Protein backbone atom coordinates (compact mmCIF):
# COMPACT_ATOMS: atom_id res chain seq x y z
CA MET A 1 -1.36 140.55 198.47
CA TYR A 2 -3.20 143.43 196.66
CA HIS A 3 -2.06 146.90 196.36
CA LEU A 4 -4.12 149.79 197.74
CA LYS A 5 -3.45 153.21 196.50
CA PHE A 6 -5.40 156.34 197.58
CA TYR A 7 -5.29 160.33 197.33
CA ALA A 8 -6.12 162.02 200.56
CA ASP A 9 -6.01 165.93 201.64
CA CYS A 10 -3.73 165.75 204.76
CA PRO A 11 -4.76 167.49 207.99
CA ASP A 12 -1.49 169.51 207.90
CA GLY A 13 -2.97 171.40 204.78
CA LEU A 14 -1.18 169.20 201.95
CA LYS A 15 -3.57 168.61 199.15
CA ASN A 16 -4.18 165.43 197.08
CA LYS A 17 -1.20 163.39 198.39
CA LEU A 18 -0.67 159.79 197.10
CA PHE A 19 -0.43 157.18 199.46
CA CYS A 20 0.45 153.19 198.69
CA TYR A 21 -0.02 150.40 200.48
CA SER A 22 0.06 146.44 200.39
CA VAL A 23 -2.58 144.88 201.92
CA HIS A 24 -3.76 141.25 202.71
CA ASP A 25 -7.38 141.70 201.79
CA GLY A 26 -10.39 144.03 201.15
CA LYS A 27 -10.97 144.18 204.82
CA HIS A 28 -7.48 145.33 205.35
CA ALA A 29 -7.69 147.93 202.78
CA ALA A 30 -11.11 149.10 204.62
CA ASP A 31 -9.32 149.26 207.80
CA LEU A 32 -6.36 151.05 206.65
CA LEU A 33 -8.90 153.84 205.00
CA SER A 34 -10.96 153.97 207.91
CA ARG A 35 -7.95 154.97 210.01
CA PHE A 36 -6.51 157.68 207.77
CA LYS A 37 -10.21 158.96 207.51
CA SER A 38 -10.40 158.81 211.44
CA ASN A 39 -7.17 160.68 211.46
CA GLY A 40 -8.41 163.76 209.59
CA PHE A 41 -7.48 162.92 206.27
CA GLY A 42 -9.98 163.79 203.29
CA LEU A 43 -9.93 160.70 201.05
CA ARG A 44 -10.29 161.78 197.61
CA ALA A 45 -10.04 158.40 195.64
CA ALA A 46 -8.89 154.85 196.10
CA PHE A 47 -7.81 151.88 194.00
CA ILE A 48 -7.20 148.53 194.87
CA GLY A 49 -5.76 145.73 192.57
CA ASP A 50 -2.75 143.79 191.55
CA PRO A 51 0.78 145.18 192.43
CA GLY A 52 2.03 147.43 189.56
CA GLN A 53 -1.41 147.84 188.10
CA LYS A 54 -4.22 150.72 188.38
CA GLY A 55 -6.66 148.53 190.02
CA GLN A 56 -10.14 149.04 190.26
CA GLN A 57 -11.66 152.21 191.88
CA ILE A 58 -13.47 152.09 195.33
CA THR A 59 -16.47 154.08 194.84
CA LYS A 60 -17.19 157.36 196.46
CA ALA A 61 -20.18 155.96 198.48
CA GLN A 62 -17.56 153.18 199.83
CA ILE A 63 -15.25 155.65 200.76
CA THR A 64 -17.90 157.85 202.43
CA PHE A 65 -19.04 154.91 204.61
CA ILE A 66 -15.62 152.98 204.66
CA SER A 67 -16.03 151.84 208.54
CA ASN A 68 -19.73 150.48 207.63
CA LEU A 69 -19.96 146.76 208.04
CA ALA A 70 -21.56 146.38 204.70
CA THR A 71 -18.70 148.04 202.84
CA VAL A 72 -15.96 146.38 204.92
CA SER A 73 -17.70 142.74 203.75
CA SER A 74 -18.24 144.04 200.41
CA LEU A 75 -14.72 144.77 200.02
CA TYR A 76 -13.61 141.37 201.66
CA VAL A 77 -15.93 139.34 199.46
CA LYS A 78 -14.38 141.09 196.30
CA TYR A 79 -10.78 141.00 197.17
CA PRO A 80 -10.50 137.67 199.57
CA PRO A 81 -7.18 136.76 201.04
CA ARG A 82 -4.62 135.21 198.63
CA ALA A 83 -2.80 132.10 199.45
CA GLU A 84 0.90 133.27 198.67
CA PRO A 85 2.98 130.19 197.91
CA PHE A 86 6.17 129.51 200.16
CA PRO A 87 9.41 130.54 197.90
CA THR A 88 11.51 127.69 197.35
CA THR A 89 15.29 127.85 197.57
CA ASP A 90 18.09 125.69 197.08
CA LYS A 91 20.15 127.23 199.41
CA GLY A 92 19.38 125.21 202.30
CA ASN A 93 18.18 126.33 205.83
CA GLN A 94 18.06 130.06 205.37
CA LEU A 95 16.95 131.05 208.98
CA ALA A 96 19.70 129.18 210.41
CA PRO A 97 22.62 128.88 207.96
CA GLY A 98 24.67 126.43 210.15
CA ARG A 99 21.95 123.90 210.71
CA PRO A 100 21.01 121.37 207.95
CA SER A 101 17.72 121.83 206.35
CA ILE A 102 14.66 119.48 206.61
CA ASN A 103 14.51 118.92 202.91
C-alpha cells in the first residue's frame, strides 16, 4: 500500500484542505485524484509514497492531466501494486474461532 496526500480547494469554498488516503498503486491514486477533480475540487499539490513519509510530489503537469492515459500509466509504472504478505498468527482460525485451523 502507498499513502496519497493532497491539498485541494473544496467546491464549498474551503481552501487548501489536506486529504490523506491509502492507495494500492499509482493507477488507484490517479483514479482518486481524477474523481476529486471531476467533482469540482481544485487540486493544489499531491504526494505519494510510503505510509508515514512525505513521499514524492506528483508534478503539476500530471495533476493537470490526471485522467490522461499517459499520466495514469506513468504513475502505475512508477508505483506498481505491492504484494502484501499475509499476517501470521498463532491464535488459530481468526474467522471462525470455534473451528480448527488448517495450519
